[in-house]
Amino acid sequence: IREGNFDEEIANTLVSFQTHLAFDTSLILFITAAFNRSTFK
């Protein structure tokens, strides 16, 4: 979706004591929900 180094941007999305995870992990997975797929029923 978007190529580039976003370590700093991701670090800023994490709470203060976990910002290091943006640099110290191999990858970060984001689980998102498109709620309408479930709530319509």
PDB file of all heavy atoms in Angstrom:
ATOM      1  N   ILE A   1       0.821  -1.208   0.000  1.00  0.00           N
ATOM      2  CA  ILE A   1       0.000   0.000   0.000  1.00  0.00           C
ATOM      3  C   ILE A   1       0.857   1.261   0.000  1.00  0.00           C
ATOM      4  O   ILE A   1       0.535   2.255  -0.641  1.00  0.00           O
ATOM      5  CB  ILE A   1      -0.941  -0.006   1.216  1.00  0.00           C
ATOM      6  CG1 ILE A   1      -1.923  -1.173   1.096  1.00  0.00           C
ATOM      7  CG2 ILE A   1      -1.685   1.308   1.361  1.00  0.00           C
ATOM      8  CD1 ILE A   1      -2.822  -1.311   2.287  1.00  0.00           C
ATOM      9  N   ARG A   2       1.966   1.212   0.748  1.00  0.00           N
ATOM     10  CA  ARG A   2       2.812   2.393   0.845  1.00  0.00           C
ATOM     11  C   ARG A   2       4.226   1.941   1.175  1.00  0.00           C
ATOM     12  O   ARG A   2       4.444   1.284   2.188  1.00  0.00           O
ATOM     13  CB  ARG A   2       2.268   3.333   1.925  1.00  0.00           C
ATOM     14  CG  ARG A   2       2.740   4.751   1.791  1.00  0.00           C
ATOM     15  CD  ARG A   2       1.829   5.748   2.497  1.00  0.00           C
ATOM     16  NE  ARG A   2       1.865   5.725   3.934  1.00  0.00           N
ATOM     17  CZ  ARG A   2       0.884   5.255   4.703  1.00  0.00           C
ATOM     18  NH1 ARG A   2      -0.196   4.746   4.150  1.00  0.00           N
ATOM     19  NH2 ARG A   2       0.979   5.288   6.012  1.00  0.00           N
ATOM     20  N   GLU A   3       5.161   2.267   0.314  1.00  0.00           N
ATOM     21  CA  GLU A   3       6.533   1.848   0.526  1.00  0.00           C
ATOM     22  C   GLU A   3       7.305   2.924   1.272  1.00  0.00           C
ATOM     23  O   GLU A   3       7.089   4.123   1.052  1.00  0.00           O
ATOM     24  CB  GLU A   3       7.197   1.570  -0.835  1.00  0.00           C
ATOM     25  CG  GLU A   3       8.493   0.790  -0.742  1.00  0.00           C
ATOM     26  CD  GLU A   3       9.010   0.337  -2.105  1.00  0.00           C
ATOM     27  OE1 GLU A   3       8.225  -0.259  -2.868  1.00  0.00           O
ATOM     28  OE2 GLU A   3      10.201   0.605  -2.390  1.00  0.00           O
ATOM     29  N   GLY A   4       8.180   2.503   2.196  1.00  0.00           N
ATOM     30  CA  GLY A   4       9.006   3.470   2.906  1.00  0.00           C
ATOM     31  C   GLY A   4       9.250   3.071   4.348  1.00  0.00           C
ATOM     32  O   GLY A   4       8.669   2.103   4.855  1.00  0.00           O
ATOM     33  N   ASN A   5      10.135   3.817   5.009  1.00  0.00           N
ATOM     34  CA  ASN A   5      10.457   3.605   6.420  1.00  0.00           C
ATOM     35  C   ASN A   5       9.526   4.477   7.265  1.00  0.00           C
ATOM     36  O   ASN A   5       9.622   5.703   7.231  1.00  0.00           O
ATOM     37  CB  ASN A   5      11.920   3.983   6.665  1.00  0.00           C
ATOM     38  CG  ASN A   5      12.337   3.783   8.112  1.00  0.00           C
ATOM     39  OD1 ASN A   5      11.515   3.801   9.026  1.00  0.00           O
ATOM     40  ND2 ASN A   5      13.632   3.603   8.332  1.00  0.00           N
ATOM     41  N   PHE A   6       8.641   3.821   8.026  1.00  0.00           N
ATOM     42  CA  PHE A   6       7.673   4.554   8.850  1.00  0.00           C
ATOM     43  C   PHE A   6       7.858   4.256  10.340  1.00  0.00           C
ATOM     44  O   PHE A   6       6.916   4.347  11.115  1.00  0.00           O
ATOM     45  CB  PHE A   6       6.240   4.198   8.421  1.00  0.00           C
ATOM     46  CG  PHE A   6       5.976   4.447   6.956  1.00  0.00           C
ATOM     47  CD1 PHE A   6       5.693   3.397   6.102  1.00  0.00           C
ATOM     48  CD2 PHE A   6       6.027   5.728   6.432  1.00  0.00           C
ATOM     49  CE1 PHE A   6       5.458   3.607   4.756  1.00  0.00           C
ATOM     50  CE2 PHE A   6       5.791   5.958   5.080  1.00  0.00           C
ATOM     51  CZ  PHE A   6       5.509   4.892   4.239  1.00  0.00           C
ATOM     52  N   ASP A   7       9.085   3.890  10.731  1.00  0.00           N
ATOM     53  CA  ASP A   7       9.350   3.555  12.136  1.00  0.00           C
ATOM     54  C   ASP A   7       8.913   4.679  13.081  1.00  0.00           C
ATOM     55  O   ASP A   7       8.232   4.442  14.083  1.00  0.00           O
ATOM     56  CB  ASP A   7      10.844   3.282  12.348  1.00  0.00           C
ATOM     57  CG  ASP A   7      11.296   1.959  11.745  1.00  0.00           C
ATOM     58  OD1 ASP A   7      10.445   1.238  11.203  1.00  0.00           O
ATOM     59  OD2 ASP A   7      12.500   1.661  11.823  1.00  0.00           O
ATOM     60  N   GLU A   8       9.335   5.899  12.781  1.00  0.00           N
ATOM     61  CA  GLU A   8       9.027   7.033  13.657  1.00  0.00           C
ATOM     62  C   GLU A   8       7.530   7.306  13.707  1.00  0.00           C
ATOM     63  O   GLU A   8       6.976   7.588  14.777  1.00  0.00           O
ATOM     64  CB  GLU A   8       9.769   8.289  13.176  1.00  0.00           C
ATOM     65  CG  GLU A   8      11.281   8.236  13.335  1.00  0.00           C
ATOM     66  CD  GLU A   8      11.721   8.374  14.784  1.00  0.00           C
ATOM     67  OE1 GLU A   8      10.873   8.699  15.640  1.00  0.00           O
ATOM     68  OE2 GLU A   8      12.924   8.147  15.058  1.00  0.00           O
ATOM     69  N   GLU A   9       6.873   7.202  12.560  1.00  0.00           N
ATOM     70  CA  GLU A   9       5.433   7.459  12.524  1.00  0.00           C
ATOM     71  C   GLU A   9       4.671   6.429  13.353  1.00  0.00           C
ATOM     72  O   GLU A   9       3.746   6.769  14.099  1.00  0.00           O
ATOM     73  CB  GLU A   9       4.940   7.429  11.065  1.00  0.00           C
ATOM     74  CG  GLU A   9       3.518   7.911  10.891  1.00  0.00           C
ATOM     75  CD  GLU A   9       3.127   8.057   9.437  1.00  0.00           C
ATOM     76  OE1 GLU A   9       4.018   8.070   8.562  1.00  0.00           O
ATOM     77  OE2 GLU A   9       1.909   8.158   9.174  1.00  0.00           O
ATOM     78  N   ILE A  10       5.081   5.176  13.248  1.00  0.00           N
ATOM     79  CA  ILE A  10       4.429   4.125  14.038  1.00  0.00           C
ATOM     80  C   ILE A  10       4.745   4.296  15.513  1.00  0.00           C
ATOM     81  O   ILE A  10       3.878   4.111  16.375  1.00  0.00           O
ATOM     82  CB  ILE A  10       4.838   2.731  13.531  1.00  0.00           C
ATOM     83  CG1 ILE A  10       4.217   2.482  12.154  1.00  0.00           C
ATOM     84  CG2 ILE A  10       4.406   1.637  14.512  1.00  0.00           C
ATOM     85  CD1 ILE A  10       4.605   1.193  11.510  1.00  0.00           C
ATOM     86  N   ALA A  11       5.985   4.666  15.836  1.00  0.00           N
ATOM     87  CA  ALA A  11       6.351   4.896  17.241  1.00  0.00           C
ATOM     88  C   ALA A  11       5.435   5.939  17.866  1.00  0.00           C
ATOM     89  O   ALA A  11       5.019   5.806  19.028  1.00  0.00           O
ATOM     90  CB  ALA A  11       7.810   5.338  17.333  1.00  0.00           C
ATOM     91  N   ASN A  12       5.083   6.957  17.111  1.00  0.00           N
ATOM     92  CA  ASN A  12       4.214   8.016  17.627  1.00  0.00           C
ATOM     93  C   ASN A  12       2.781   7.550  17.847  1.00  0.00           C
ATOM     94  O   ASN A  12       2.022   8.197  18.575  1.00  0.00           O
ATOM     95  CB  ASN A  12       4.213   9.216  16.672  1.00  0.00           C
ATOM     96  CG  ASN A  12       5.522   9.973  16.712  1.00  0.00           C
ATOM     97  OD1 ASN A  12       6.230   9.958  17.715  1.00  0.00           O
ATOM     98  ND2 ASN A  12       5.869  10.623  15.606  1.00  0.00           N
ATOM     99  N   THR A  13       2.400   6.434  17.230  1.00  0.00           N
ATOM    100  CA  THR A  13       1.034   5.926  17.429  1.00  0.00           C
ATOM    101  C   THR A  13       0.922   5.068  18.693  1.00  0.00           C
ATOM    102  O   THR A  13      -0.189   4.752  19.122  1.00  0.00           O
ATOM    103  CB  THR A  13       0.569   5.068  16.230  1.00  0.00           C
ATOM    104  OG1 THR A  13       1.279   3.810  16.212  1.00  0.00           O
ATOM    105  CG2 THR A  13       0.748   5.778  14.914  1.00  0.00           C
ATOM    106  N   LEU A  14       2.050   4.692  19.276  1.00  0.00           N
ATOM    107  CA  LEU A  14       2.053   3.809  20.443  1.00  0.00           C
ATOM    108  C   LEU A  14       2.169   4.623  21.726  1.00  0.00           C
ATOM    109  O   LEU A  14       2.725   5.721  21.731  1.00  0.00           O
ATOM    110  CB  LEU A  14       3.215   2.811  20.349  1.00  0.00           C
ATOM    111  CG  LEU A  14       3.273   1.964  19.078  1.00  0.00           C
ATOM    112  CD1 LEU A  14       4.520   1.094  19.067  1.00  0.00           C
ATOM    113  CD2 LEU A  14       2.020   1.097  18.940  1.00  0.00           C
ATOM    114  N   VAL A  15       1.644   4.065  22.822  1.00  0.00           N
ATOM    115  CA  VAL A  15       1.757   4.764  24.102  1.00  0.00           C
ATOM    116  C   VAL A  15       3.224   4.887  24.486  1.00  0.00           C
ATOM    117  O   VAL A  15       4.073   4.110  24.033  1.00  0.00           O
ATOM    118  CB  VAL A  15       0.954   4.048  25.209  1.00  0.00           C
ATOM    119  CG1 VAL A  15      -0.537   4.074  24.903  1.00  0.00           C
ATOM    120  CG2 VAL A  15       1.444   2.615  25.407  1.00  0.00           C
ATOM    121  N   SER A  16       3.542   5.849  25.334  1.00  0.00           N
ATOM    122  CA  SER A  16       4.925   6.290  25.550  1.00  0.00           C
ATOM    123  C   SER A  16       5.886   5.165  25.936  1.00  0.00           C
ATOM    124  O   SER A  16       7.027   5.145  25.479  1.00  0.00           O
ATOM    125  CB  SER A  16       4.957   7.387  26.602  1.00  0.00           C
ATOM    126  OG  SER A  16       4.409   6.922  27.830  1.00  0.00           O
ATOM    127  N   PHE A  17       5.449   4.222  26.770  1.00  0.00           N
ATOM    128  CA  PHE A  17       6.385   3.194  27.232  1.00  0.00           C
ATOM    129  C   PHE A  17       6.547   2.052  26.231  1.00  0.00           C
ATOM    130  O   PHE A  17       7.324   1.121  26.463  1.00  0.00           O
ATOM    131  CB  PHE A  17       5.959   2.639  28.599  1.00  0.00           C
ATOM    132  CG  PHE A  17       4.665   1.867  28.580  1.00  0.00           C
ATOM    133  CD1 PHE A  17       4.651   0.502  28.360  1.00  0.00           C
ATOM    134  CD2 PHE A  17       3.460   2.530  28.788  1.00  0.00           C
ATOM    135  CE1 PHE A  17       3.456  -0.207  28.356  1.00  0.00           C
ATOM    136  CE2 PHE A  17       2.259   1.831  28.784  1.00  0.00           C
ATOM    137  CZ  PHE A  17       2.262   0.460  28.567  1.00  0.00           C
ATOM    138  N   GLN A  18       5.837   2.119  25.080  1.00  0.00           N
ATOM    139  CA  GLN A  18       5.962   1.053  24.084  1.00  0.00           C
ATOM    140  C   GLN A  18       6.423   1.564  22.714  1.00  0.00           C
ATOM    141  O   GLN A  18       6.388   0.820  21.738  1.00  0.00           O
ATOM    142  CB  GLN A  18       4.629   0.314  23.927  1.00  0.00           C
ATOM    143  CG  GLN A  18       4.278  -0.553  25.129  1.00  0.00           C
ATOM    144  CD  GLN A  18       3.104  -1.483  24.856  1.00  0.00           C
ATOM    145  OE1 GLN A  18       2.105  -1.072  24.297  1.00  0.00           O
ATOM    146  NE2 GLN A  18       3.235  -2.726  25.245  1.00  0.00           N
ATOM    147  N   THR A  19       6.867   2.796  22.645  1.00  0.00           N
ATOM    148  CA  THR A  19       7.289   3.337  21.346  1.00  0.00           C
ATOM    149  C   THR A  19       8.440   2.534  20.735  1.00  0.00           C
ATOM    150  O   THR A  19       8.578   2.466  19.513  1.00  0.00           O
ATOM    151  CB  THR A  19       7.713   4.809  21.472  1.00  0.00           C
ATOM    152  OG1 THR A  19       8.747   4.917  22.452  1.00  0.00           O
ATOM    153  CG2 THR A  19       6.532   5.685  21.872  1.00  0.00           C
ATOM    154  N   HIS A  20       9.249   1.904  21.580  1.00  0.00           N
ATOM    155  CA  HIS A  20      10.399   1.134  21.097  1.00  0.00           C
ATOM    156  C   HIS A  20       9.981  -0.048  20.232  1.00  0.00           C
ATOM    157  O   HIS A  20      10.780  -0.562  19.429  1.00  0.00           O
ATOM    158  CB  HIS A  20      11.235   0.638  22.281  1.00  0.00           C
ATOM    159  CG  HIS A  20      10.513  -0.357  23.143  1.00  0.00           C
ATOM    160  ND1 HIS A  20      10.688  -1.718  23.003  1.00  0.00           N
ATOM    161  CD2 HIS A  20       9.596  -0.190  24.140  1.00  0.00           C
ATOM    162  CE1 HIS A  20       9.920  -2.349  23.885  1.00  0.00           C
ATOM    163  NE2 HIS A  20       9.250  -1.449  24.592  1.00  0.00           N
ATOM    164  N   LEU A  21       8.725  -0.485  20.354  1.00  0.00           N
ATOM    165  CA  LEU A  21       8.271  -1.639  19.571  1.00  0.00           C
ATOM    166  C   LEU A  21       8.296  -1.363  18.072  1.00  0.00           C
ATOM    167  O   LEU A  21       8.420  -2.287  17.268  1.00  0.00           O
ATOM    168  CB  LEU A  21       6.855  -2.046  20.000  1.00  0.00           C
ATOM    169  CG  LEU A  21       6.702  -2.520  21.440  1.00  0.00           C
ATOM    170  CD1 LEU A  21       5.247  -2.843  21.758  1.00  0.00           C
ATOM    171  CD2 LEU A  21       7.591  -3.735  21.705  1.00  0.00           C
ATOM    172  N   ALA A  22       8.195  -0.104  17.703  1.00  0.00           N
ATOM    173  CA  ALA A  22       8.266   0.244  16.281  1.00  0.00           C
ATOM    174  C   ALA A  22       9.646  -0.062  15.701  1.00  0.00           C
ATOM    175  O   ALA A  22       9.773  -0.296  14.492  1.00  0.00           O
ATOM    176  CB  ALA A  22       7.933   1.719  16.084  1.00  0.00           C
ATOM    177  N   PHE A  23      10.661  -0.077  16.553  1.00  0.00           N
ATOM    178  CA  PHE A  23      12.040  -0.296  16.104  1.00  0.00           C
ATOM    179  C   PHE A  23      12.533  -1.710  16.416  1.00  0.00           C
ATOM    180  O   PHE A  23      13.417  -2.215  15.721  1.00  0.00           O
ATOM    181  CB  PHE A  23      12.978   0.713  16.775  1.00  0.00           C
ATOM    182  CG  PHE A  23      12.520   2.141  16.647  1.00  0.00           C
ATOM    183  CD1 PHE A  23      11.806   2.752  17.676  1.00  0.00           C
ATOM    184  CD2 PHE A  23      12.782   2.867  15.500  1.00  0.00           C
ATOM    185  CE1 PHE A  23      11.378   4.070  17.570  1.00  0.00           C
ATOM    186  CE2 PHE A  23      12.360   4.180  15.383  1.00  0.00           C
ATOM    187  CZ  PHE A  23      11.646   4.786  16.412  1.00  0.00           C
ATOM    188  N   ASP A  24      11.981  -2.335  17.452  1.00  0.00           N
ATOM    189  CA  ASP A  24      12.536  -3.590  17.970  1.00  0.00           C
ATOM    190  C   ASP A  24      11.786  -4.832  17.516  1.00  0.00           C
ATOM    191  O   ASP A  24      12.093  -5.941  17.966  1.00  0.00           O
ATOM    192  CB  ASP A  24      12.549  -3.556  19.508  1.00  0.00           C
ATOM    193  CG  ASP A  24      13.465  -2.472  20.044  1.00  0.00           C
ATOM    194  OD1 ASP A  24      14.331  -2.005  19.281  1.00  0.00           O
ATOM    195  OD2 ASP A  24      13.311  -2.081  21.217  1.00  0.00           O
ATOM    196  N   THR A  25      10.788  -4.685  16.651  1.00  0.00           N
ATOM    197  CA  THR A  25      10.053  -5.838  16.137  1.00  0.00           C
ATOM    198  C   THR A  25      10.373  -6.043  14.663  1.00  0.00           C
ATOM    199  O   THR A  25      10.791  -5.118  13.962  1.00  0.00           O
ATOM    200  CB  THR A  25       8.532  -5.658  16.309  1.00  0.00           C
ATOM    201  OG1 THR A  25       8.137  -4.422  15.702  1.00  0.00           O
ATOM    202  CG2 THR A  25       8.136  -5.654  17.773  1.00  0.00           C
ATOM    203  N   SER A  26      10.151  -7.263  14.198  1.00  0.00           N
ATOM    204  CA  SER A  26      10.383  -7.583  12.788  1.00  0.00           C
ATOM    205  C   SER A  26       9.257  -7.046  11.915  1.00  0.00           C
ATOM    206  O   SER A  26       9.489  -6.597  10.795  1.00  0.00           O
ATOM    207  CB  SER A  26      10.494  -9.096  12.602  1.00  0.00           C
ATOM    208  OG  SER A  26      11.528  -9.617  13.408  1.00  0.00           O
ATOM    209  N   LEU A  27       8.067  -7.156  12.421  1.00  0.00           N
ATOM    210  CA  LEU A  27       6.913  -6.557  11.743  1.00  0.00           C
ATOM    211  C   LEU A  27       5.817  -6.333  12.766  1.00  0.00           C
ATOM    212  O   LEU A  27       5.783  -6.986  13.810  1.00  0.00           O
ATOM    213  CB  LEU A  27       6.424  -7.415  10.565  1.00  0.00           C
ATOM    214  CG  LEU A  27       5.945  -8.846  10.794  1.00  0.00           C
ATOM    215  CD1 LEU A  27       4.457  -8.887  11.121  1.00  0.00           C
ATOM    216  CD2 LEU A  27       6.184  -9.686   9.546  1.00  0.00           C
ATOM    217  N   ILE A  28       4.948  -5.390  12.458  1.00  0.00           N
ATOM    218  CA  ILE A  28       3.787  -5.122  13.299  1.00  0.00           C
ATOM    219  C   ILE A  28       2.534  -5.401  12.477  1.00  0.00           C
ATOM    220  O   ILE A  28       2.377  -4.872  11.370  1.00  0.00           O
ATOM    221  CB  ILE A  28       3.776  -3.674  13.818  1.00  0.00           C
ATOM    222  CG1 ILE A  28       4.915  -3.482  14.821  1.00  0.00           C
ATOM    223  CG2 ILE A  28       2.441  -3.337  14.480  1.00  0.00           C
ATOM    224  CD1 ILE A  28       4.974  -2.118  15.475  1.00  0.00           C
ATOM    225  N   LEU A  29       1.682  -6.257  13.017  1.00  0.00           N
ATOM    226  CA  LEU A  29       0.409  -6.600  12.379  1.00  0.00           C
ATOM    227  C   LEU A  29      -0.694  -5.720  12.938  1.00  0.00           C
ATOM    228  O   LEU A  29      -0.769  -5.492  14.153  1.00  0.00           O
ATOM    229  CB  LEU A  29       0.069  -8.068  12.637  1.00  0.00           C
ATOM    230  CG  LEU A  29       0.885  -9.094  11.845  1.00  0.00           C
ATOM    231  CD1 LEU A  29       1.080 -10.346  12.676  1.00  0.00           C
ATOM    232  CD2 LEU A  29       0.190  -9.429  10.536  1.00  0.00           C
ATOM    233  N   PHE A  30      -1.554  -5.243  12.056  1.00  0.00           N
ATOM    234  CA  PHE A  30      -2.703  -4.428  12.440  1.00  0.00           C
ATOM    235  C   PHE A  30      -3.971  -5.209  12.084  1.00  0.00           C
ATOM    236  O   PHE A  30      -4.209  -5.505  10.916  1.00  0.00           O
ATOM    237  CB  PHE A  30      -2.721  -3.094  11.681  1.00  0.00           C
ATOM    238  CG  PHE A  30      -1.462  -2.284  11.832  1.00  0.00           C
ATOM    239  CD1 PHE A  30      -0.380  -2.488  10.981  1.00  0.00           C
ATOM    240  CD2 PHE A  30      -1.356  -1.311  12.817  1.00  0.00           C
ATOM    241  CE1 PHE A  30       0.778  -1.737  11.105  1.00  0.00           C
ATOM    242  CE2 PHE A  30      -0.201  -0.552  12.944  1.00  0.00           C
ATOM    243  CZ  PHE A  30       0.878  -0.766  12.088  1.00  0.00           C
ATOM    244  N   ILE A  31      -4.758  -5.552  13.096  1.00  0.00           N
ATOM    245  CA  ILE A  31      -6.050  -6.207  12.863  1.00  0.00           C
ATOM    246  C   ILE A  31      -7.113  -5.127  12.899  1.00  0.00           C
ATOM    247  O   ILE A  31      -7.273  -4.430  13.904  1.00  0.00           O
ATOM    248  CB  ILE A  31      -6.338  -7.281  13.927  1.00  0.00           C
ATOM    249  CG1 ILE A  31      -5.205  -8.320  13.971  1.00  0.00           C
ATOM    250  CG2 ILE A  31      -7.677  -7.959  13.653  1.00  0.00           C
ATOM    251  CD1 ILE A  31      -5.350  -9.341  15.089  1.00  0.00           C
ATOM    252  N   THR A  32      -7.831  -4.974  11.798  1.00  0.00           N
ATOM    253  CA  THR A  32      -8.869  -3.953  11.716  1.00  0.00           C
ATOM    254  C   THR A  32     -10.222  -4.616  11.478  1.00  0.00           C
ATOM    255  O   THR A  32     -10.288  -5.761  11.023  1.00  0.00           O
ATOM    256  CB  THR A  32      -8.584  -2.950  10.583  1.00  0.00           C
ATOM    257  OG1 THR A  32      -8.738  -3.610   9.316  1.00  0.00           O
ATOM    258  CG2 THR A  32      -7.182  -2.376  10.695  1.00  0.00           C
ATOM    259  N   ALA A  33     -11.284  -3.887  11.767  1.00  0.00           N
ATOM    260  CA  ALA A  33     -12.638  -4.423  11.595  1.00  0.00           C
ATOM    261  C   ALA A  33     -13.464  -3.491  10.726  1.00  0.00           C
ATOM    262  O   ALA A  33     -13.546  -2.295  10.995  1.00  0.00           O
ATOM    263  CB  ALA A  33     -13.314  -4.615  12.953  1.00  0.00           C
ATOM    264  N   ALA A  34     -14.061  -4.063   9.678  1.00  0.00           N
ATOM    265  CA  ALA A  34     -15.060  -3.361   8.869  1.00  0.00           C
ATOM    266  C   ALA A  34     -16.412  -3.769   9.459  1.00  0.00           C
ATOM    267  O   ALA A  34     -17.008  -4.770   9.063  1.00  0.00           O
ATOM    268  CB  ALA A  34     -14.949  -3.756   7.401  1.00  0.00           C
ATOM    269  N   PHE A  35     -16.869  -3.018  10.455  1.00  0.00           N
ATOM    270  CA  PHE A  35     -17.957  -3.448  11.324  1.00  0.00           C
ATOM    271  C   PHE A  35     -19.249  -3.783  10.577  1.00  0.00           C
ATOM    272  O   PHE A  35     -19.978  -4.690  10.976  1.00  0.00           O
ATOM    273  CB  PHE A  35     -18.224  -2.377  12.384  1.00  0.00           C
ATOM    274  CG  PHE A  35     -17.077  -2.147  13.308  1.00  0.00           C
ATOM    275  CD1 PHE A  35     -16.347  -0.966  13.262  1.00  0.00           C
ATOM    276  CD2 PHE A  35     -16.691  -3.121  14.222  1.00  0.00           C
ATOM    277  CE1 PHE A  35     -15.273  -0.750  14.106  1.00  0.00           C
ATOM    278  CE2 PHE A  35     -15.617  -2.915  15.074  1.00  0.00           C
ATOM    279  CZ  PHE A  35     -14.902  -1.730  15.013  1.00  0.00           C
ATOM    280  N   ASN A  36     -19.518  -3.082   9.499  1.00  0.00           N
ATOM    281  CA  ASN A  36     -20.790  -3.285   8.809  1.00  0.00           C
ATOM    282  C   ASN A  36     -20.938  -4.693   8.254  1.00  0.00           C
ATOM    283  O   ASN A  36     -22.051  -5.176   8.056  1.00  0.00           O
ATOM    284  CB  ASN A  36     -20.951  -2.263   7.672  1.00  0.00           C
ATOM    285  CG  ASN A  36     -22.362  -2.270   7.110  1.00  0.00           C
ATOM    286  OD1 ASN A  36     -23.329  -2.289   7.870  1.00  0.00           O
ATOM    287  ND2 ASN A  36     -22.491  -2.281   5.795  1.00  0.00           N
ATOM    288  N   ARG A  37     -19.832  -5.379   8.011  1.00  0.00           N
ATOM    289  CA  ARG A  37     -19.917  -6.765   7.523  1.00  0.00           C
ATOM    290  C   ARG A  37     -20.593  -7.669   8.551  1.00  0.00           C
ATOM    291  O   ARG A  37     -21.127  -8.704   8.202  1.00  0.00           O
ATOM    292  CB  ARG A  37     -18.520  -7.309   7.225  1.00  0.00           C
ATOM    293  CG  ARG A  37     -17.868  -6.748   5.994  1.00  0.00           C
ATOM    294  CD  ARG A  37     -16.551  -7.470   5.730  1.00  0.00           C
ATOM    295  NE  ARG A  37     -15.657  -6.642   4.955  1.00  0.00           N
ATOM    296  CZ  ARG A  37     -14.347  -6.791   4.904  1.00  0.00           C
ATOM    297  NH1 ARG A  37     -13.768  -7.749   5.619  1.00  0.00           N
ATOM    298  NH2 ARG A  37     -13.605  -5.991   4.171  1.00  0.00           N
ATOM    299  N   SER A  38     -20.521  -7.276   9.798  1.00  0.00           N
ATOM    300  CA  SER A  38     -21.130  -8.064  10.869  1.00  0.00           C
ATOM    301  C   SER A  38     -22.412  -7.433  11.406  1.00  0.00           C
ATOM    302  O   SER A  38     -23.401  -8.122  11.663  1.00  0.00           O
ATOM    303  CB  SER A  38     -20.118  -8.245  12.013  1.00  0.00           C
ATOM    304  OG  SER A  38     -20.624  -9.042  13.043  1.00  0.00           O
ATOM    305  N   THR A  39     -22.408  -6.104  11.560  1.00  0.00           N
ATOM    306  CA  THR A  39     -23.549  -5.442  12.215  1.00  0.00           C
ATOM    307  C   THR A  39     -24.803  -5.392  11.351  1.00  0.00           C
ATOM    308  O   THR A  39     -25.898  -5.252  11.889  1.00  0.00           O
ATOM    309  CB  THR A  39     -23.178  -4.010  12.649  1.00  0.00           C
ATOM    310  OG1 THR A  39     -22.745  -3.264  11.506  1.00  0.00           O
ATOM    311  CG2 THR A  39     -22.075  -4.020  13.695  1.00  0.00           C
ATOM    312  N   PHE A  40     -24.664  -5.496  10.024  1.00  0.00           N
ATOM    313  CA  PHE A  40     -25.876  -5.477   9.196  1.00  0.00           C
ATOM    314  C   PHE A  40     -26.790  -6.650   9.561  1.00  0.00           C
ATOM    315  O   PHE A  40     -28.011  -6.558   9.467  1.00  0.00           O
ATOM    316  CB  PHE A  40     -25.522  -5.517   7.699  1.00  0.00           C
ATOM    317  CG  PHE A  40     -25.304  -6.899   7.138  1.00  0.00           C
ATOM    318  CD1 PHE A  40     -26.379  -7.661   6.678  1.00  0.00           C
ATOM    319  CD2 PHE A  40     -24.035  -7.447   7.065  1.00  0.00           C
ATOM    320  CE1 PHE A  40     -26.174  -8.945   6.166  1.00  0.00           C
ATOM    321  CE2 PHE A  40     -23.832  -8.712   6.548  1.00  0.00           C
ATOM    322  CZ  PHE A  40     -24.907  -9.465   6.101  1.00  0.00           C
ATOM    323  N   LYS A  41     -26.189  -7.754  10.008  1.00  0.00           N
ATOM    324  CA  LYS A  41     -26.974  -8.937  10.379  1.00  0.00           C
ATOM    325  C   LYS A  41     -27.231  -8.996  11.880  1.00  0.00           C
ATOM    326  O   LYS A  41     -28.354  -9.278  12.307  1.00  0.00           O
ATOM    327  CB  LYS A  41     -26.239 -10.205   9.936  1.00  0.00           C
ATOM    328  CG  LYS A  41     -26.979 -11.496  10.310  1.00  0.00           C
ATOM    329  CD  LYS A  41     -26.252 -12.736   9.805  1.00  0.00           C
ATOM    330  CE  LYS A  41     -27.024 -13.998  10.180  1.00  0.00           C
ATOM    331  NZ  LYS A  41     -26.331 -15.231   9.713  1.00  0.00           N
TER     332      LYS A  41
END
